[in-house]
PDB file of N, CA and C in Angstrom:
ATOM      1  N   UNK A   1       0.817  -1.386   0.032  1.00  0.00           N
ATOM      2  CA  UNK A   1      -0.045  -0.238  -0.181  1.00  0.00           C
ATOM      3  C   UNK A   1       1.047   1.238  -0.463  1.00  0.00           C
ATOM      4  N   UNK A   2       2.177   1.546   0.597  1.00  0.00           N
ATOM      5  CA  UNK A   2       2.630   1.753   1.065  1.00  0.00           C
ATOM      6  C   UNK A   2       3.242   2.962  -0.573  1.00  0.00           C
ATOM      7  N   UNK A   3       4.746   1.135  -1.308  1.00  0.00           N
ATOM      8  CA  UNK A   3       4.534   1.369  -2.356  1.00  0.00           C
ATOM      9  C   UNK A   3       3.225   2.185  -3.606  1.00  0.00           C
ATOM     10  N   UNK A   4       2.589   1.613  -3.691  1.00  0.00           N
ATOM     11  CA  UNK A   4       1.120   2.103  -3.947  1.00  0.00           C
ATOM     12  C   UNK A   4       0.816   4.031  -4.151  1.00  0.00           C
ATOM     13  N   UNK A   5       1.341   4.409  -2.893  1.00  0.00           N
ATOM     14  CA  UNK A   5       0.903   5.395  -2.464  1.00  0.00           C
ATOM     15  C   UNK A   5       2.514   6.680  -2.643  1.00  0.00           C
ATOM     16  N   UNK A   6       3.672   6.147  -3.261  1.00  0.00           N
ATOM     17  CA  UNK A   6       4.781   6.453  -2.956  1.00  0.00           C
ATOM     18  C   UNK A   6       4.882   6.855  -4.353  1.00  0.00           C
ATOM     19  N   UNK A   7       4.616   5.905  -5.222  1.00  0.00           N
ATOM     20  CA  UNK A   7       4.341   5.835  -7.513  1.00  0.00           C
ATOM     21  C   UNK A   7       3.322   7.114  -7.088  1.00  0.00           C
ATOM     22  N   UNK A   8       2.307   6.785  -7.028  1.00  0.00           N
ATOM     23  CA  UNK A   8       1.028   8.081  -6.616  1.00  0.00           C
ATOM     24  C   UNK A   8       1.827   9.452  -6.176  1.00  0.00           C
ATOM     25  N   UNK A   9       2.573   9.786  -4.632  1.00  0.00           N
ATOM     26  CA  UNK A   9       3.026  10.671  -4.739  1.00  0.00           C
ATOM     27  C   UNK A   9       4.689  11.348  -5.607  1.00  0.00           C
ATOM     28  N   UNK A  10       4.930  10.155  -5.898  1.00  0.00           N
ATOM     29  CA  UNK A  10       6.216  10.722  -7.039  1.00  0.00           C
ATOM     30  C   UNK A  10       5.641  11.093  -8.926  1.00  0.00           C
ATOM     31  N   UNK A  11       4.084  10.688  -8.862  1.00  0.00           N
ATOM     32  CA  UNK A  11       3.664  11.413  -9.999  1.00  0.00           C
ATOM     33  C   UNK A  11       3.579  13.008 -10.208  1.00  0.00           C
ATOM     34  N   UNK A  12       2.915  12.927  -8.979  1.00  0.00           N
ATOM     35  CA  UNK A  12       2.511  14.815  -8.530  1.00  0.00           C
ATOM     36  C   UNK A  12       3.950  15.733  -8.162  1.00  0.00           C
ATOM     37  N   UNK A  13       5.000  15.205  -7.866  1.00  0.00           N
ATOM     38  CA  UNK A  13       6.325  15.482  -7.677  1.00  0.00           C
ATOM     39  C   UNK A  13       6.623  16.148  -9.129  1.00  0.00           C
ATOM     40  N   UNK A  14       6.634  14.943  -9.399  1.00  0.00           N
ATOM     41  CA  UNK A  14       7.705  15.491 -11.690  1.00  0.00           C
ATOM     42  C   UNK A  14       6.238  16.275 -12.049  1.00  0.00           C
ATOM     43  N   UNK A  15       4.650  15.993 -11.837  1.00  0.00           N
ATOM     44  CA  UNK A  15       4.412  17.239 -12.436  1.00  0.00           C
ATOM     45  C   UNK A  15       4.172  18.435 -12.061  1.00  0.00           C
ATOM     46  N   UNK A  16       4.954  18.774 -10.545  1.00  0.00           N
ATOM     47  CA  UNK A  16       4.471  19.763  -9.968  1.00  0.00           C
ATOM     48  C   UNK A  16       6.281  20.414 -10.229  1.00  0.00           C
ATOM     49  N   UNK A  17       7.650  19.546  -9.864  1.00  0.00           N
ATOM     50  CA  UNK A  17       8.246  19.751 -10.902  1.00  0.00           C
ATOM     51  C   UNK A  17       8.320  20.875 -11.849  1.00  0.00           C
ATOM     52  N   UNK A  18       7.664  20.329 -12.813  1.00  0.00           N
ATOM     53  CA  UNK A  18       7.702  20.931 -14.178  1.00  0.00           C
ATOM     54  C   UNK A  18       6.815  21.675 -14.739  1.00  0.00           C
ATOM     55  N   UNK A  19       6.227  21.811 -13.062  1.00  0.00           N
ATOM     56  CA  UNK A  19       4.780  23.518 -12.994  1.00  0.00           C
ATOM     57  C   UNK A  19       5.921  24.618 -12.280  1.00  0.00           C
ATOM     58  N   UNK A  20       6.945  24.301 -11.919  1.00  0.00           N
ATOM     59  CA  UNK A  20       7.906  25.253 -11.269  1.00  0.00           C
ATOM     60  C   UNK A  20       8.656  25.243 -12.136  1.00  0.00           C
ATOM     61  N   UNK A  21       9.331  24.420 -12.809  1.00  0.00           N
ATOM     62  CA  UNK A  21      10.106  24.711 -13.992  1.00  0.00           C
ATOM     63  C   UNK A  21      10.163  25.618 -15.072  1.00  0.00           C
ATOM     64  N   UNK A  22       8.878  25.605 -15.802  1.00  0.00           N
ATOM     65  CA  UNK A  22       7.469  26.668 -16.689  1.00  0.00           C
ATOM     66  C   UNK A  22       7.299  27.911 -15.357  1.00  0.00           C
ATOM     67  N   UNK A  23       6.791  27.867 -14.507  1.00  0.00           N
ATOM     68  CA  UNK A  23       6.693  29.129 -13.364  1.00  0.00           C
ATOM     69  C   UNK A  23       8.575  29.846 -13.042  1.00  0.00           C
ATOM     70  N   UNK A  24       9.455  29.495 -13.524  1.00  0.00           N
ATOM     71  CA  UNK A  24      10.410  30.223 -13.218  1.00  0.00           C
ATOM     72  C   UNK A  24      10.706  30.890 -14.173  1.00  0.00           C
ATOM     73  N   UNK A  25      10.611  30.143 -15.076  1.00  0.00           N
ATOM     74  CA  UNK A  25      11.270  30.220 -16.962  1.00  0.00           C
ATOM     75  C   UNK A  25      10.503  31.527 -17.057  1.00  0.00           C
ATOM     76  N   UNK A  26       9.155  32.136 -16.774  1.00  0.00           N
ATOM     77  CA  UNK A  26       7.840  32.118 -17.035  1.00  0.00           C
ATOM     78  C   UNK A  26       8.956  34.506 -15.991  1.00  0.00           C
ATOM     79  N   UNK A  27       9.160  33.611 -14.973  1.00  0.00           N
ATOM     80  CA  UNK A  27       9.608  35.093 -13.894  1.00  0.00           C
ATOM     81  C   UNK A  27      10.599  36.049 -13.682  1.00  0.00           C
ATOM     82  N   UNK A  28      10.725  36.655 -13.326  1.00  0.00           N
ATOM     83  CA  UNK A  28      13.042  37.061 -12.947  1.00  0.00           C
ATOM     84  C   UNK A  28      13.094  36.101 -12.067  1.00  0.00           C
ATOM     85  N   UNK A  29      14.078  36.567 -11.996  1.00  0.00           N
ATOM     86  CA  UNK A  29      15.496  35.271 -11.544  1.00  0.00           C
ATOM     87  C   UNK A  29      15.905  35.917 -10.591  1.00  0.00           C
ATOM     88  N   UNK A  30      15.389  37.099  -9.980  1.00  0.00           N
ATOM     89  CA  UNK A  30      15.591  37.331  -8.263  1.00  0.00           C
ATOM     90  C   UNK A  30      13.929  37.470  -8.505  1.00  0.00           C
ATOM     91  N   UNK A  31      12.945  37.881  -8.477  1.00  0.00           N
ATOM     92  CA  UNK A  31      11.811  37.452  -7.591  1.00  0.00           C
ATOM     93  C   UNK A  31      11.075  36.664  -8.123  1.00  0.00           C
ATOM     94  N   UNK A  32      10.226  35.344  -6.980  1.00  0.00           N
ATOM     95  CA  UNK A  32       8.998  34.988  -8.047  1.00  0.00           C
ATOM     96  C   UNK A  32       7.971  35.028  -7.342  1.00  0.00           C
ATOM     97  N   UNK A  33       6.986  34.693  -7.767  1.00  0.00           N
ATOM     98  CA  UNK A  33       5.877  34.970  -7.066  1.00  0.00           C
ATOM     99  C   UNK A  33       5.984  33.628  -5.848  1.00  0.00           C
ATOM    100  N   UNK A  34       4.956  34.262  -5.475  1.00  0.00           N
ATOM    101  CA  UNK A  34       4.085  33.839  -3.900  1.00  0.00           C
ATOM    102  C   UNK A  34       4.067  32.322  -4.745  1.00  0.00           C
ATOM    103  N   UNK A  35       2.658  32.169  -5.770  1.00  0.00           N
ATOM    104  CA  UNK A  35       2.305  30.532  -6.375  1.00  0.00           C
ATOM    105  C   UNK A  35       3.917  29.552  -6.364  1.00  0.00           C
ATOM    106  N   UNK A  36       4.795  30.326  -6.460  1.00  0.00           N
ATOM    107  CA  UNK A  36       5.301  29.823  -6.884  1.00  0.00           C
ATOM    108  C   UNK A  36       6.298  29.217  -6.143  1.00  0.00           C
ATOM    109  N   UNK A  37       6.382  30.239  -5.425  1.00  0.00           N
ATOM    110  CA  UNK A  37       7.376  29.721  -3.233  1.00  0.00           C
ATOM    111  C   UNK A  37       6.749  28.814  -3.480  1.00  0.00           C
ATOM    112  N   UNK A  38       5.208  28.393  -2.296  1.00  0.00           N
ATOM    113  CA  UNK A  38       3.941  27.278  -2.625  1.00  0.00           C
ATOM    114  C   UNK A  38       4.682  26.297  -2.696  1.00  0.00           C
ATOM    115  N   UNK A  39       4.879  26.747  -4.150  1.00  0.00           N
ATOM    116  CA  UNK A  39       4.514  25.608  -5.454  1.00  0.00           C
ATOM    117  C   UNK A  39       5.796  24.537  -5.487  1.00  0.00           C
ATOM    118  N   UNK A  40       7.162  25.223  -4.496  1.00  0.00           N
ATOM    119  CA  UNK A  40       8.781  24.839  -4.634  1.00  0.00           C
ATOM    120  C   UNK A  40       7.852  23.850  -2.651  1.00  0.00           C
ATOM    121  N   UNK A  41       7.748  24.650  -2.032  1.00  0.00           N
ATOM    122  CA  UNK A  41       7.219  24.383  -0.722  1.00  0.00           C
ATOM    123  C   UNK A  41       6.992  23.049  -0.677  1.00  0.00           C
ATOM    124  N   UNK A  42       5.382  22.679  -1.285  1.00  0.00           N
ATOM    125  CA  UNK A  42       4.864  21.739  -1.670  1.00  0.00           C
ATOM    126  C   UNK A  42       5.316  20.460  -2.491  1.00  0.00           C
ATOM    127  N   UNK A  43       6.253  20.869  -3.214  1.00  0.00           N
ATOM    128  CA  UNK A  43       7.777  19.651  -3.360  1.00  0.00           C
ATOM    129  C   UNK A  43       8.887  19.419  -2.622  1.00  0.00           C
ATOM    130  N   UNK A  44       8.707  19.872  -1.956  1.00  0.00           N
ATOM    131  CA  UNK A  44       9.706  19.496  -0.429  1.00  0.00           C
ATOM    132  C   UNK A  44       9.142  18.748   0.159  1.00  0.00           C
ATOM    133  N   UNK A  45       7.493  19.096   0.630  1.00  0.00           N
ATOM    134  CA  UNK A  45       7.120  18.735   1.765  1.00  0.00           C
ATOM    135  C   UNK A  45       6.570  16.986   0.920  1.00  0.00           C
ATOM    136  N   UNK A  46       6.225  16.825   0.083  1.00  0.00           N
ATOM    137  CA  UNK A  46       5.923  15.708  -0.748  1.00  0.00           C
ATOM    138  C   UNK A  46       7.478  14.691  -0.845  1.00  0.00           C
ATOM    139  N   UNK A  47       8.276  15.517  -1.682  1.00  0.00           N
ATOM    140  CA  UNK A  47       9.284  14.286  -1.470  1.00  0.00           C
ATOM    141  C   UNK A  47      10.097  14.212   0.112  1.00  0.00           C
ATOM    142  N   UNK A  48       9.994  14.890   0.497  1.00  0.00           N
ATOM    143  CA  UNK A  48      10.118  14.463   2.671  1.00  0.00           C
ATOM    144  C   UNK A  48       8.723  13.418   2.942  1.00  0.00           C
ATOM    145  N   UNK A  49       8.192  13.525   2.520  1.00  0.00           N
ATOM    146  CA  UNK A  49       6.893  12.434   2.928  1.00  0.00           C
ATOM    147  C   UNK A  49       7.151  10.551   1.893  1.00  0.00           C
ATOM    148  N   UNK A  50       7.541  11.336   0.705  1.00  0.00           N
ATOM    149  CA  UNK A  50       8.070   9.730   0.088  1.00  0.00           C
ATOM    150  C   UNK A  50       8.628   8.944   0.781  1.00  0.00           C
ATOM    151  N   UNK A  51      10.621  10.321   0.298  1.00  0.00           N
ATOM    152  CA  UNK A  51      11.668   9.397   1.651  1.00  0.00           C
ATOM    153  C   UNK A  51      11.338   9.101   3.570  1.00  0.00           C
ATOM    154  N   UNK A  52      10.487  10.336   3.726  1.00  0.00           N
ATOM    155  CA  UNK A  52       9.807   8.998   5.000  1.00  0.00           C
ATOM    156  C   UNK A  52       9.001   7.842   4.647  1.00  0.00           C
ATOM    157  N   UNK A  53       8.549   8.054   4.109  1.00  0.00           N
ATOM    158  CA  UNK A  53       7.835   6.448   4.048  1.00  0.00           C
ATOM    159  C   UNK A  53       8.578   5.011   3.689  1.00  0.00           C
ATOM    160  N   UNK A  54       9.955   5.487   2.901  1.00  0.00           N
ATOM    161  CA  UNK A  54      10.731   4.380   2.058  1.00  0.00           C
ATOM    162  C   UNK A  54      11.524   4.358   3.181  1.00  0.00           C
ATOM    163  N   UNK A  55      11.987   5.433   4.449  1.00  0.00           N
ATOM    164  CA  UNK A  55      12.376   4.640   5.110  1.00  0.00           C
ATOM    165  C   UNK A  55      11.991   3.598   6.280  1.00  0.00           C
ATOM    166  N   UNK A  56      10.675   3.422   6.652  1.00  0.00           N
ATOM    167  CA  UNK A  56       9.974   2.805   6.840  1.00  0.00           C
ATOM    168  C   UNK A  56       9.538   0.944   6.508  1.00  0.00           C
ATOM    169  N   UNK A  57      10.348   1.517   5.017  1.00  0.00           N
ATOM    170  CA  UNK A  57       9.630   0.147   4.636  1.00  0.00           C
ATOM    171  C   UNK A  57       9.583  -0.984   4.806  1.00  0.00           C
TER     172      UNK A  57
END
């Protein structure tokens, strides 16, 4: 069950990373929007969840 959740989260992580890349390409290289910052935080939290589950397998 955790493996399946990790796969779902990994797919979401990949999507978010693509969205973040697109947003960063459109924005000024020194000033990022709040939405872009939140997306980066969401990526970090999701990666942490996956890593935590992997350690407990």
